[in-house]
Amino acid sequence: MSTSKTPKPAQSGKGVAGTNAPNLDPLLSAAWLYYEDQLTQSDIAEVLGVSRASVINYLHEARRLGVVKITLDSEHYTAMRLAQRLSQHYGLERCIVIPDDQGRRPAEVRLGEAGAQLLSSLVKTGDMLGVSWGRTVLALSQAISPQRVPGLSVIQITGSMLATFEFSPELCTSNIADRFGARCINLHAPALVSRAEIRELLYKEPALIPQLELLQTCTKIVFGLGHVGRDSTIFASGAVTPDAIQPYLDQGAVGVIAGRYFNAAGQPILGPLDERMIGLTLDEIDRIPMRICVTGGVAKAPAIRAALQGRHATMLVTDELAAQALVDSL
C-alpha cells in the first residue's frame, strides 16, 4: 500500500479557487493516520475531532479519489494461483503455498511454520491425530503456539528409530502433544526389526496390541514426504541402507511416506522392508479422513506429484518452487 499527497487545497472549503474540488485535508490526515501510523478509526476520530462515521467516509473517499492506492505483493498472488491450480487438479481440500524467499531461511522451518498454522486451525476436541517423523514435521511441532485442545490424543504412527534421534517419531509426537496440551501415545516398538518373524510376534504381543489398534482410530494425520535421491533424509539419517531400498527402486519407487514407498502413479510398492516394519501402511494411512502433507523443494516435486495422484494427501503445504514445478507438469 502507498499513500500519495496532492497539493494542499485553498482554505475556502471548496478546494482550488474557482472549482468544486473537495477539501482533501481531512482525507489526507485520516489516510495517513490509518495506513501509515496504523491508528484505529476511533483514535483517528478523536485526533481529528470528528465522528467515527466521518472517518470511515474520509477513508472511503481517499480510496475513491486515488489519494490512497492499495497494492498487494505479487509473490503472494503467485502462490495463491498455484495453490488454487493444485487444489482444483488434485481435488485437495486445502492447499497452502508459501512464497519463495530466495533461501533466506531454512525451507523446513518455513514449511513447518505454515503447517503448524494450518494444523492448529484444524484439530478439534476428541481428535486422534497421527504423527509421522522428519525434519519438516519436527519444525512443525516446534512452531505450534501453545494451546489446549481438550480430549485430543496425539499418536506416533511408526515405530521408533535411533538413527533419526534429532527428528524421531517419538520426539515429533511428544512435541505436538505438549504444544496442544494433549495426551501423547507413543508406539513402544522399533520401526524396523531384524526379521519378519519378530514383527509377526510383536503384532501378537498383548502389551502392544492396544497401541496398534489405536493407530486405526486416527481422524487426522500429519506427515512429511521423502524422495529417493541420495540426498534424501531416509539415506542421510542412516535409518536404512541404499542396498535395502534397491528392491523398491527396481520397482519404480519415487517417494516415501512414513517409511512406505510408492511409484510414480502413487501406488504402494511392497518389498523386504515392509515385512519387518511396524507402523501404519499406506493403505491404512489412506483410510484416515484428513491427511495433511507438509513438504517442499523442487527435488521432491516428482514424489509430491505421485503422492497427490495416489490420493495419499487431502491437504498440502508446500513451497512456491515445488508448486510451480508441479503446475508446469500438468
C-alpha atoms as a PDB file:
ATOM      1  CA  MET A   1       0.000   0.000   0.000  1.00  0.00           C
ATOM      2  CA  SER A   2       1.130   3.504  -0.709  1.00  0.00           C
ATOM      3  CA  THR A   3      -0.303   6.910   0.100  1.00  0.00           C
ATOM      4  CA  SER A   4       0.181   9.888  -2.168  1.00  0.00           C
ATOM      5  CA  LYS A   5      -0.443  13.526  -1.350  1.00  0.00           C
ATOM      6  CA  THR A   6      -1.838  16.164  -3.673  1.00  0.00           C
ATOM      7  CA  PRO A   7      -1.140  19.891  -3.406  1.00  0.00           C
ATOM      8  CA  LYS A   8      -2.809  21.443  -0.377  1.00  0.00           C
ATOM      9  CA  PRO A   9      -6.136  22.997  -1.401  1.00  0.00           C
ATOM     10  CA  ALA A  10      -7.158  26.573  -0.714  1.00  0.00           C
ATOM     11  CA  GLN A  11      -8.710  27.409   2.647  1.00  0.00           C
ATOM     12  CA  SER A  12     -12.064  28.376   1.128  1.00  0.00           C
ATOM     13  CA  GLY A  13     -13.533  24.957   1.827  1.00  0.00           C
ATOM     14  CA  LYS A  14     -14.130  24.419  -1.895  1.00  0.00           C
ATOM     15  CA  GLY A  15     -10.604  23.373  -2.721  1.00  0.00           C
ATOM     16  CA  VAL A  16      -8.725  25.100  -5.521  1.00  0.00           C
ATOM     17  CA  ALA A  17     -10.126  28.595  -6.220  1.00  0.00           C
ATOM     18  CA  GLY A  18     -12.855  28.645  -8.824  1.00  0.00           C
ATOM     19  CA  THR A  19     -13.519  24.863  -8.656  1.00  0.00           C
ATOM     20  CA  ASN A  20     -15.742  22.493  -6.706  1.00  0.00           C
ATOM     21  CA  ALA A  21     -12.849  20.160  -5.792  1.00  0.00           C
ATOM     22  CA  PRO A  22     -13.267  18.675  -2.322  1.00  0.00           C
ATOM     23  CA  ASN A  23     -11.135  19.744   0.621  1.00  0.00           C
ATOM     24  CA  LEU A  24      -8.595  16.937   0.842  1.00  0.00           C
ATOM     25  CA  ASP A  25      -7.048  17.929   4.179  1.00  0.00           C
ATOM     26  CA  PRO A  26      -9.177  15.640   6.391  1.00  0.00           C
ATOM     27  CA  LEU A  27      -8.934  12.821   3.836  1.00  0.00           C
ATOM     28  CA  LEU A  28      -5.161  13.044   3.786  1.00  0.00           C
ATOM     29  CA  SER A  29      -4.948  13.222   7.563  1.00  0.00           C
ATOM     30  CA  ALA A  30      -7.291  10.278   8.051  1.00  0.00           C
ATOM     31  CA  ALA A  31      -5.465   8.220   5.408  1.00  0.00           C
ATOM     32  CA  TRP A  32      -2.043   8.897   6.884  1.00  0.00           C
ATOM     33  CA  LEU A  33      -3.103   8.173  10.450  1.00  0.00           C
ATOM     34  CA  TYR A  34      -4.866   4.962   9.412  1.00  0.00           C
ATOM     35  CA  TYR A  35      -2.477   3.439   6.866  1.00  0.00           C
ATOM     36  CA  GLU A  36       0.903   4.778   7.987  1.00  0.00           C
ATOM     37  CA  ASP A  37       0.502   5.331  11.739  1.00  0.00           C
ATOM     38  CA  GLN A  38      -1.956   2.400  11.991  1.00  0.00           C
ATOM     39  CA  LEU A  39      -4.314   4.177  14.383  1.00  0.00           C
ATOM     40  CA  THR A  40      -7.808   2.790  14.809  1.00  0.00           C
ATOM     41  CA  GLN A  41     -10.777   4.587  13.315  1.00  0.00           C
ATOM     42  CA  SER A  42     -11.894   5.594  16.805  1.00  0.00           C
ATOM     43  CA  ASP A  43      -8.456   7.036  17.616  1.00  0.00           C
ATOM     44  CA  ILE A  44      -8.467   8.999  14.356  1.00  0.00           C
ATOM     45  CA  ALA A  45     -11.924  10.387  15.145  1.00  0.00           C
ATOM     46  CA  GLU A  46     -10.576  11.664  18.478  1.00  0.00           C
ATOM     47  CA  VAL A  47      -7.477  13.202  16.874  1.00  0.00           C
ATOM     48  CA  LEU A  48      -9.490  14.976  14.157  1.00  0.00           C
ATOM     49  CA  GLY A  49     -12.387  15.896  16.421  1.00  0.00           C
ATOM     50  CA  VAL A  50     -14.986  14.193  14.225  1.00  0.00           C
ATOM     51  CA  SER A  51     -17.231  11.156  14.487  1.00  0.00           C
ATOM     52  CA  ARG A  52     -16.073   7.637  13.627  1.00  0.00           C
ATOM     53  CA  ALA A  53     -18.610   7.625  10.783  1.00  0.00           C
ATOM     54  CA  SER A  54     -16.845  10.674   9.317  1.00  0.00           C
ATOM     55  CA  VAL A  55     -13.506   8.874   9.482  1.00  0.00           C
ATOM     56  CA  ILE A  56     -14.981   5.915   7.601  1.00  0.00           C
ATOM     57  CA  ASN A  57     -16.267   8.303   4.936  1.00  0.00           C
ATOM     58  CA  TYR A  58     -12.867  10.008   4.705  1.00  0.00           C
ATOM     59  CA  LEU A  59     -11.087   6.694   4.142  1.00  0.00           C
ATOM     60  CA  HIS A  60     -13.637   5.643   1.533  1.00  0.00           C
ATOM     61  CA  GLU A  61     -13.288   8.931  -0.331  1.00  0.00           C
ATOM     62  CA  ALA A  62      -9.491   8.801  -0.118  1.00  0.00           C
ATOM     63  CA  ARG A  63      -9.501   5.489  -1.990  1.00  0.00           C
ATOM     64  CA  ARG A  64     -12.192   6.600  -4.458  1.00  0.00           C
ATOM     65  CA  LEU A  65     -10.273   9.769  -5.370  1.00  0.00           C
ATOM     66  CA  GLY A  66      -6.949   7.959  -5.673  1.00  0.00           C
ATOM     67  CA  VAL A  67      -5.377   9.639  -2.646  1.00  0.00           C
ATOM     68  CA  VAL A  68      -4.772   6.123  -1.317  1.00  0.00           C
ATOM     69  CA  LYS A  69      -3.837   3.270  -3.623  1.00  0.00           C
ATOM     70  CA  ILE A  70      -3.701  -0.293  -2.313  1.00  0.00           C
ATOM     71  CA  THR A  71      -1.141  -2.690  -3.760  1.00  0.00           C
ATOM     72  CA  LEU A  72      -0.563  -6.322  -2.789  1.00  0.00           C
ATOM     73  CA  ASP A  73       2.650  -8.317  -3.034  1.00  0.00           C
ATOM     74  CA  SER A  74       2.566 -10.145  -6.365  1.00  0.00           C
ATOM     75  CA  GLU A  75       4.567 -13.021  -4.865  1.00  0.00           C
ATOM     76  CA  HIS A  76       1.644 -13.903  -2.632  1.00  0.00           C
ATOM     77  CA  TYR A  77      -0.717 -13.796  -5.589  1.00  0.00           C
ATOM     78  CA  THR A  78       1.549 -16.166  -7.487  1.00  0.00           C
ATOM     79  CA  ALA A  79       1.497 -18.570  -4.552  1.00  0.00           C
ATOM     80  CA  MET A  80      -2.282 -18.241  -4.331  1.00  0.00           C
ATOM     81  CA  ARG A  81      -2.772 -19.039  -8.006  1.00  0.00           C
ATOM     82  CA  LEU A  82      -0.510 -22.073  -7.719  1.00  0.00           C
ATOM     83  CA  ALA A  83      -2.421 -23.300  -4.665  1.00  0.00           C
ATOM     84  CA  GLN A  84      -5.752 -22.918  -6.455  1.00  0.00           C
ATOM     85  CA  ARG A  85      -4.482 -24.758  -9.512  1.00  0.00           C
ATOM     86  CA  LEU A  86      -3.154 -27.669  -7.457  1.00  0.00           C
ATOM     87  CA  SER A  87      -6.330 -27.854  -5.383  1.00  0.00           C
ATOM     88  CA  GLN A  88      -8.505 -27.997  -8.465  1.00  0.00           C
ATOM     89  CA  HIS A  89      -6.382 -30.527 -10.336  1.00  0.00           C
ATOM     90  CA  TYR A  90      -5.799 -32.943  -7.471  1.00  0.00           C
ATOM     91  CA  GLY A  91      -9.051 -32.418  -5.588  1.00  0.00           C
ATOM     92  CA  LEU A  92      -7.359 -31.160  -2.432  1.00  0.00           C
ATOM     93  CA  GLU A  93      -9.463 -29.837   0.413  1.00  0.00           C
ATOM     94  CA  ARG A  94      -6.798 -27.252   1.213  1.00  0.00           C
ATOM     95  CA  CYS A  95      -3.507 -26.237  -0.362  1.00  0.00           C
ATOM     96  CA  ILE A  96      -1.094 -23.702   1.076  1.00  0.00           C
ATOM     97  CA  VAL A  97       1.858 -22.495  -0.999  1.00  0.00           C
ATOM     98  CA  ILE A  98       4.392 -20.282   0.749  1.00  0.00           C
ATOM     99  CA  PRO A  99       6.216 -17.731  -1.451  1.00  0.00           C
ATOM    100  CA  ASP A 100       9.869 -18.230  -2.325  1.00  0.00           C
ATOM    101  CA  ASP A 101      12.182 -16.271  -0.003  1.00  0.00           C
ATOM    102  CA  GLN A 102      15.371 -16.826  -2.043  1.00  0.00           C
ATOM    103  CA  GLY A 103      16.828 -19.098   0.635  1.00  0.00           C
ATOM    104  CA  ARG A 104      16.827 -16.518   3.415  1.00  0.00           C
ATOM    105  CA  ARG A 105      15.509 -19.017   5.964  1.00  0.00           C
ATOM    106  CA  PRO A 106      15.655 -22.822   6.141  1.00  0.00           C
ATOM    107  CA  ALA A 107      12.941 -24.325   3.968  1.00  0.00           C
ATOM    108  CA  GLU A 108      11.833 -26.876   6.556  1.00  0.00           C
ATOM    109  CA  VAL A 109      11.394 -24.124   9.155  1.00  0.00           C
ATOM    110  CA  ARG A 110       9.154 -22.054   6.883  1.00  0.00           C
ATOM    111  CA  LEU A 111       7.138 -25.095   5.844  1.00  0.00           C
ATOM    112  CA  GLY A 112       6.863 -26.158   9.464  1.00  0.00           C
ATOM    113  CA  GLU A 113       5.501 -22.760  10.455  1.00  0.00           C
ATOM    114  CA  ALA A 114       2.877 -22.865   7.701  1.00  0.00           C
ATOM    115  CA  GLY A 115       1.967 -26.432   8.602  1.00  0.00           C
ATOM    116  CA  ALA A 116       1.680 -25.509  12.281  1.00  0.00           C
ATOM    117  CA  GLN A 117      -0.759 -22.706  11.496  1.00  0.00           C
ATOM    118  CA  LEU A 118      -2.895 -24.993   9.373  1.00  0.00           C
ATOM    119  CA  LEU A 119      -2.851 -27.842  11.867  1.00  0.00           C
ATOM    120  CA  SER A 120      -3.745 -25.515  14.746  1.00  0.00           C
ATOM    121  CA  SER A 121      -6.829 -24.371  12.858  1.00  0.00           C
ATOM    122  CA  LEU A 122      -7.962 -27.941  12.201  1.00  0.00           C
ATOM    123  CA  VAL A 123      -7.526 -30.004  15.371  1.00  0.00           C
ATOM    124  CA  LYS A 124     -10.717 -30.385  17.381  1.00  0.00           C
ATOM    125  CA  THR A 125     -11.825 -31.778  20.708  1.00  0.00           C
ATOM    126  CA  GLY A 126     -11.732 -35.563  20.648  1.00  0.00           C
ATOM    127  CA  ASP A 127      -9.463 -35.866  17.601  1.00  0.00           C
ATOM    128  CA  MET A 128      -6.975 -38.697  17.280  1.00  0.00           C
ATOM    129  CA  LEU A 129      -4.022 -37.077  15.497  1.00  0.00           C
ATOM    130  CA  GLY A 130      -1.456 -39.356  13.889  1.00  0.00           C
ATOM    131  CA  VAL A 131       2.094 -38.016  13.510  1.00  0.00           C
ATOM    132  CA  SER A 132       4.920 -39.199  11.280  1.00  0.00           C
ATOM    133  CA  TRP A 133       8.533 -38.020  11.508  1.00  0.00           C
ATOM    134  CA  GLY A 134      11.185 -35.995   9.718  1.00  0.00           C
ATOM    135  CA  ARG A 135      12.840 -32.587   9.801  1.00  0.00           C
ATOM    136  CA  THR A 136       9.807 -30.731   8.457  1.00  0.00           C
ATOM    137  CA  VAL A 137       7.428 -32.458  10.872  1.00  0.00           C
ATOM    138  CA  LEU A 138       9.821 -31.616  13.710  1.00  0.00           C
ATOM    139  CA  ALA A 139       9.876 -27.964  12.600  1.00  0.00           C
ATOM    140  CA  LEU A 140       6.083 -28.017  12.551  1.00  0.00           C
ATOM    141  CA  SER A 141       5.982 -29.440  16.063  1.00  0.00           C
ATOM    142  CA  GLN A 142       8.233 -26.657  17.315  1.00  0.00           C
ATOM    143  CA  ALA A 143       6.256 -23.893  15.585  1.00  0.00           C
ATOM    144  CA  ILE A 144       2.862 -24.660  17.151  1.00  0.00           C
ATOM    145  CA  SER A 145       1.747 -21.940  19.558  1.00  0.00           C
ATOM    146  CA  PRO A 146       0.997 -23.439  22.995  1.00  0.00           C
ATOM    147  CA  GLN A 147      -2.730 -24.011  23.416  1.00  0.00           C
ATOM    148  CA  ARG A 148      -5.096 -26.551  24.867  1.00  0.00           C
ATOM    149  CA  VAL A 149      -7.353 -28.802  22.813  1.00  0.00           C
ATOM    150  CA  PRO A 150      -9.492 -30.847  25.245  1.00  0.00           C
ATOM    151  CA  GLY A 151      -9.704 -34.558  24.549  1.00  0.00           C
ATOM    152  CA  LEU A 152      -7.055 -34.511  21.820  1.00  0.00           C
ATOM    153  CA  SER A 153      -4.776 -37.540  21.512  1.00  0.00           C
ATOM    154  CA  VAL A 154      -1.546 -37.445  19.503  1.00  0.00           C
ATOM    155  CA  ILE A 155      -0.371 -40.821  18.237  1.00  0.00           C
ATOM    156  CA  GLN A 156       3.005 -41.945  16.894  1.00  0.00           C
ATOM    157  CA  ILE A 157       2.224 -43.838  13.673  1.00  0.00           C
ATOM    158  CA  THR A 158       5.571 -45.577  13.156  1.00  0.00           C
ATOM    159  CA  GLY A 159       7.921 -47.378  15.485  1.00  0.00           C
ATOM    160  CA  SER A 160      10.984 -45.674  16.925  1.00  0.00           C
ATOM    161  CA  MET A 161      14.363 -45.287  15.221  1.00  0.00           C
ATOM    162  CA  LEU A 162      17.628 -44.402  16.943  1.00  0.00           C
ATOM    163  CA  ALA A 163      19.071 -43.259  13.607  1.00  0.00           C
ATOM    164  CA  THR A 164      16.530 -40.417  13.462  1.00  0.00           C
ATOM    165  CA  PHE A 165      17.126 -39.192  17.009  1.00  0.00           C
ATOM    166  CA  GLU A 166      17.146 -35.488  16.088  1.00  0.00           C
ATOM    167  CA  PHE A 167      13.766 -35.701  14.325  1.00  0.00           C
ATOM    168  CA  SER A 168      12.466 -39.030  15.574  1.00  0.00           C
ATOM    169  CA  PRO A 169       8.818 -40.152  15.534  1.00  0.00           C
ATOM    170  CA  GLU A 170       8.612 -40.048  19.331  1.00  0.00           C
ATOM    171  CA  LEU A 171      10.094 -36.542  19.512  1.00  0.00           C
ATOM    172  CA  CYS A 172       7.748 -35.145  16.846  1.00  0.00           C
ATOM    173  CA  THR A 173       4.766 -36.765  18.553  1.00  0.00           C
ATOM    174  CA  SER A 174       5.650 -35.622  22.075  1.00  0.00           C
ATOM    175  CA  ASN A 175       6.344 -32.056  20.902  1.00  0.00           C
ATOM    176  CA  ILE A 176       2.953 -31.750  19.220  1.00  0.00           C
ATOM    177  CA  ALA A 177       1.159 -33.302  22.184  1.00  0.00           C
ATOM    178  CA  ASP A 178       2.900 -30.882  24.540  1.00  0.00           C
ATOM    179  CA  ARG A 179       2.016 -27.810  22.445  1.00  0.00           C
ATOM    180  CA  PHE A 180      -1.653 -28.825  22.294  1.00  0.00           C
ATOM    181  CA  GLY A 181      -1.836 -29.969  25.920  1.00  0.00           C
ATOM    182  CA  ALA A 182      -2.891 -33.362  24.567  1.00  0.00           C
ATOM    183  CA  ARG A 183      -2.471 -36.996  25.516  1.00  0.00           C
ATOM    184  CA  CYS A 184       0.687 -38.435  23.925  1.00  0.00           C
ATOM    185  CA  ILE A 185       0.595 -42.030  22.741  1.00  0.00           C
ATOM    186  CA  ASN A 186       3.994 -43.367  21.693  1.00  0.00           C
ATOM    187  CA  LEU A 187       4.393 -46.629  19.846  1.00  0.00           C
ATOM    188  CA  HIS A 188       6.674 -48.679  22.077  1.00  0.00           C
ATOM    189  CA  ALA A 189       8.301 -50.786  19.392  1.00  0.00           C
ATOM    190  CA  PRO A 190      11.114 -50.365  16.860  1.00  0.00           C
ATOM    191  CA  ALA A 191      10.183 -49.148  13.403  1.00  0.00           C
ATOM    192  CA  LEU A 192      12.228 -51.879  11.794  1.00  0.00           C
ATOM    193  CA  VAL A 193      13.009 -55.272  13.307  1.00  0.00           C
ATOM    194  CA  SER A 194      15.617 -57.739  12.118  1.00  0.00           C
ATOM    195  CA  ARG A 195      13.290 -60.479  10.843  1.00  0.00           C
ATOM    196  CA  ALA A 196       9.723 -60.819   9.611  1.00  0.00           C
ATOM    197  CA  GLU A 197       9.013 -63.421  12.295  1.00  0.00           C
ATOM    198  CA  ILE A 198       9.779 -60.881  15.028  1.00  0.00           C
ATOM    199  CA  ARG A 199       7.304 -58.434  13.513  1.00  0.00           C
ATOM    200  CA  GLU A 200       4.639 -61.131  13.491  1.00  0.00           C
ATOM    201  CA  LEU A 201       5.297 -61.893  17.151  1.00  0.00           C
ATOM    202  CA  LEU A 202       5.161 -58.213  18.143  1.00  0.00           C
ATOM    203  CA  TYR A 203       1.824 -57.773  16.381  1.00  0.00           C
ATOM    204  CA  LYS A 204       0.513 -60.542  18.634  1.00  0.00           C
ATOM    205  CA  GLU A 205       2.103 -59.132  21.805  1.00  0.00           C
ATOM    206  CA  PRO A 206      -0.694 -58.264  24.304  1.00  0.00           C
ATOM    207  CA  ALA A 207       1.177 -55.189  25.552  1.00  0.00           C
ATOM    208  CA  LEU A 208       1.463 -53.804  22.012  1.00  0.00           C
ATOM    209  CA  ILE A 209      -1.916 -54.742  20.571  1.00  0.00           C
ATOM    210  CA  PRO A 210      -3.847 -51.821  22.192  1.00  0.00           C
ATOM    211  CA  GLN A 211      -1.356 -49.299  20.755  1.00  0.00           C
ATOM    212  CA  LEU A 212      -1.579 -50.841  17.288  1.00  0.00           C
ATOM    213  CA  GLU A 213      -5.368 -50.799  17.484  1.00  0.00           C
ATOM    214  CA  LEU A 214      -5.333 -47.103  18.410  1.00  0.00           C
ATOM    215  CA  LEU A 215      -3.472 -46.356  15.169  1.00  0.00           C
ATOM    216  CA  GLN A 216      -6.588 -47.431  13.289  1.00  0.00           C
ATOM    217  CA  THR A 217      -8.678 -44.778  15.049  1.00  0.00           C
ATOM    218  CA  CYS A 218      -6.819 -41.704  13.745  1.00  0.00           C
ATOM    219  CA  THR A 219      -9.141 -38.979  12.486  1.00  0.00           C
ATOM    220  CA  LYS A 220      -6.324 -36.771  11.179  1.00  0.00           C
ATOM    221  CA  ILE A 221      -2.689 -37.317  10.301  1.00  0.00           C
ATOM    222  CA  VAL A 222       0.241 -35.004   9.564  1.00  0.00           C
ATOM    223  CA  PHE A 223       3.299 -36.274   7.719  1.00  0.00           C
ATOM    224  CA  GLY A 224       6.271 -35.240   5.646  1.00  0.00           C
ATOM    225  CA  LEU A 225       7.313 -36.805   2.383  1.00  0.00           C
ATOM    226  CA  GLY A 226      10.673 -38.047   1.154  1.00  0.00           C
ATOM    227  CA  HIS A 227      12.167 -38.678  -2.242  1.00  0.00           C
ATOM    228  CA  VAL A 228      14.575 -41.479  -3.109  1.00  0.00           C
ATOM    229  CA  GLY A 229      17.598 -39.460  -4.180  1.00  0.00           C
ATOM    230  CA  ARG A 230      20.930 -39.936  -2.445  1.00  0.00           C
ATOM    231  CA  ASP A 231      20.468 -36.652  -0.593  1.00  0.00           C
ATOM    232  CA  SER A 232      17.126 -37.669   0.886  1.00  0.00           C
ATOM    233  CA  THR A 233      16.505 -37.756   4.641  1.00  0.00           C
ATOM    234  CA  ILE A 234      15.959 -41.508   4.592  1.00  0.00           C
ATOM    235  CA  PHE A 235      19.572 -42.010   3.468  1.00  0.00           C
ATOM    236  CA  ALA A 236      21.067 -39.154   5.488  1.00  0.00           C
ATOM    237  CA  SER A 237      19.531 -40.477   8.700  1.00  0.00           C
ATOM    238  CA  GLY A 238      21.093 -43.900   8.249  1.00  0.00           C
ATOM    239  CA  ALA A 239      17.723 -45.470   9.051  1.00  0.00           C
ATOM    240  CA  VAL A 240      18.108 -47.744   6.036  1.00  0.00           C
ATOM    241  CA  THR A 241      20.909 -48.506   3.600  1.00  0.00           C
ATOM    242  CA  PRO A 242      20.901 -47.976  -0.172  1.00  0.00           C
ATOM    243  CA  ASP A 243      21.044 -51.758  -0.632  1.00  0.00           C
ATOM    244  CA  ALA A 244      17.876 -52.189   1.448  1.00  0.00           C
ATOM    245  CA  ILE A 245      15.987 -49.693  -0.710  1.00  0.00           C
ATOM    246  CA  GLN A 246      17.240 -51.023  -4.046  1.00  0.00           C
ATOM    247  CA  PRO A 247      14.357 -53.533  -4.444  1.00  0.00           C
ATOM    248  CA  TYR A 248      11.942 -50.595  -4.207  1.00  0.00           C
ATOM    249  CA  LEU A 249      13.912 -48.563  -6.728  1.00  0.00           C
ATOM    250  CA  ASP A 250      13.861 -51.536  -9.072  1.00  0.00           C
ATOM    251  CA  GLN A 251      10.051 -51.388  -8.923  1.00  0.00           C
ATOM    252  CA  GLY A 252       9.994 -47.678  -9.742  1.00  0.00           C
ATOM    253  CA  ALA A 253       9.802 -46.066  -6.312  1.00  0.00           C
ATOM    254  CA  VAL A 254       9.836 -42.253  -6.406  1.00  0.00           C
ATOM    255  CA  GLY A 255       8.770 -41.333  -2.874  1.00  0.00           C
ATOM    256  CA  VAL A 256       8.232 -42.482   0.686  1.00  0.00           C
ATOM    257  CA  ILE A 257       5.696 -41.640   3.392  1.00  0.00           C
ATOM    258  CA  ALA A 258       6.266 -42.912   6.922  1.00  0.00           C
ATOM    259  CA  GLY A 259       8.721 -45.493   5.595  1.00  0.00           C
ATOM    260  CA  ARG A 260       6.302 -46.762   2.921  1.00  0.00           C
ATOM    261  CA  TYR A 261       7.338 -46.488  -0.729  1.00  0.00           C
ATOM    262  CA  PHE A 262       5.206 -45.679  -3.764  1.00  0.00           C
ATOM    263  CA  ASN A 263       5.694 -45.370  -7.520  1.00  0.00           C
ATOM    264  CA  ALA A 264       5.066 -42.505  -9.949  1.00  0.00           C
ATOM    265  CA  ALA A 265       1.352 -43.314 -10.038  1.00  0.00           C
ATOM    266  CA  GLY A 266       1.198 -43.177  -6.253  1.00  0.00           C
ATOM    267  CA  GLN A 267       0.665 -46.917  -5.918  1.00  0.00           C
ATOM    268  CA  PRO A 268       2.264 -48.614  -2.887  1.00  0.00           C
ATOM    269  CA  ILE A 269       5.340 -50.722  -3.527  1.00  0.00           C
ATOM    270  CA  LEU A 270       5.956 -53.673  -1.252  1.00  0.00           C
ATOM    271  CA  GLY A 271       9.361 -55.137  -0.539  1.00  0.00           C
ATOM    272  CA  PRO A 272      11.510 -56.806   2.099  1.00  0.00           C
ATOM    273  CA  LEU A 273      11.443 -53.804   4.471  1.00  0.00           C
ATOM    274  CA  ASP A 274       7.653 -53.930   4.753  1.00  0.00           C
ATOM    275  CA  GLU A 275       7.871 -57.433   6.159  1.00  0.00           C
ATOM    276  CA  ARG A 276       9.950 -56.066   9.051  1.00  0.00           C
ATOM    277  CA  MET A 277       8.299 -52.663   9.560  1.00  0.00           C
ATOM    278  CA  ILE A 278       5.989 -51.699  12.423  1.00  0.00           C
ATOM    279  CA  GLY A 279       3.554 -48.866  11.828  1.00  0.00           C
ATOM    280  CA  LEU A 280       0.772 -47.773   9.507  1.00  0.00           C
ATOM    281  CA  THR A 281       0.854 -48.899   5.891  1.00  0.00           C
ATOM    282  CA  LEU A 282      -0.031 -46.555   3.031  1.00  0.00           C
ATOM    283  CA  ASP A 283      -3.406 -48.245   2.642  1.00  0.00           C
ATOM    284  CA  GLU A 284      -4.090 -47.654   6.333  1.00  0.00           C
ATOM    285  CA  ILE A 285      -2.959 -44.031   6.080  1.00  0.00           C
ATOM    286  CA  ASP A 286      -5.324 -43.538   3.137  1.00  0.00           C
ATOM    287  CA  ARG A 287      -8.273 -44.562   5.319  1.00  0.00           C
ATOM    288  CA  ILE A 288      -7.672 -41.635   7.709  1.00  0.00           C
ATOM    289  CA  PRO A 289     -10.242 -38.922   6.830  1.00  0.00           C
ATOM    290  CA  MET A 290      -7.902 -35.902   6.935  1.00  0.00           C
ATOM    291  CA  ARG A 291      -4.326 -36.331   5.679  1.00  0.00           C
ATOM    292  CA  ILE A 292      -2.021 -33.290   5.862  1.00  0.00           C
ATOM    293  CA  CYS A 293       1.219 -33.490   3.883  1.00  0.00           C
ATOM    294  CA  VAL A 294       3.873 -30.863   4.650  1.00  0.00           C
ATOM    295  CA  THR A 295       6.786 -30.946   2.225  1.00  0.00           C
ATOM    296  CA  GLY A 296       8.609 -28.869  -0.380  1.00  0.00           C
ATOM    297  CA  GLY A 297      11.601 -28.426  -2.653  1.00  0.00           C
ATOM    298  CA  VAL A 298      11.998 -28.935  -6.388  1.00  0.00           C
ATOM    299  CA  ALA A 299      13.819 -32.237  -5.818  1.00  0.00           C
ATOM    300  CA  LYS A 300      10.681 -33.615  -4.193  1.00  0.00           C
ATOM    301  CA  ALA A 301       8.298 -32.482  -6.932  1.00  0.00           C
ATOM    302  CA  PRO A 302       8.085 -35.957  -8.595  1.00  0.00           C
ATOM    303  CA  ALA A 303       7.386 -37.568  -5.215  1.00  0.00           C
ATOM    304  CA  ILE A 304       4.774 -34.940  -4.314  1.00  0.00           C
ATOM    305  CA  ARG A 305       3.108 -35.386  -7.693  1.00  0.00           C
ATOM    306  CA  ALA A 306       2.958 -39.141  -7.201  1.00  0.00           C
ATOM    307  CA  ALA A 307       1.578 -38.789  -3.677  1.00  0.00           C
ATOM    308  CA  LEU A 308      -1.162 -36.469  -4.919  1.00  0.00           C
ATOM    309  CA  GLN A 309      -2.004 -38.761  -7.808  1.00  0.00           C
ATOM    310  CA  GLY A 310      -2.265 -41.622  -5.333  1.00  0.00           C
ATOM    311  CA  ARG A 311      -4.635 -39.533  -3.160  1.00  0.00           C
ATOM    312  CA  HIS A 312      -2.409 -40.039  -0.134  1.00  0.00           C
ATOM    313  CA  ALA A 313      -2.978 -36.434   0.990  1.00  0.00           C
ATOM    314  CA  THR A 314      -6.183 -34.444   1.317  1.00  0.00           C
ATOM    315  CA  MET A 315      -4.272 -31.251   2.195  1.00  0.00           C
ATOM    316  CA  LEU A 316      -0.882 -29.986   1.081  1.00  0.00           C
ATOM    317  CA  VAL A 317       1.513 -27.413   2.496  1.00  0.00           C
ATOM    318  CA  THR A 318       4.412 -26.758   0.132  1.00  0.00           C
ATOM    319  CA  ASP A 319       6.645 -24.019  -1.234  1.00  0.00           C
ATOM    320  CA  GLU A 320       6.431 -21.967  -4.400  1.00  0.00           C
ATOM    321  CA  LEU A 321       9.282 -23.716  -6.235  1.00  0.00           C
ATOM    322  CA  ALA A 322       7.784 -27.173  -5.734  1.00  0.00           C
ATOM    323  CA  ALA A 323       4.296 -25.908  -6.550  1.00  0.00           C
ATOM    324  CA  GLN A 324       5.497 -24.272  -9.774  1.00  0.00           C
ATOM    325  CA  ALA A 325       7.222 -27.497 -10.818  1.00  0.00           C
ATOM    326  CA  LEU A 326       4.007 -29.409 -10.142  1.00  0.00           C
ATOM    327  CA  VAL A 327       1.862 -26.977 -12.125  1.00  0.00           C
ATOM    328  CA  ASP A 328       4.342 -26.947 -15.025  1.00  0.00           C
ATOM    329  CA  SER A 329       3.978 -30.707 -15.305  1.00  0.00           C
ATOM    330  CA  LEU A 330       0.163 -30.687 -15.503  1.00  0.00           C
END
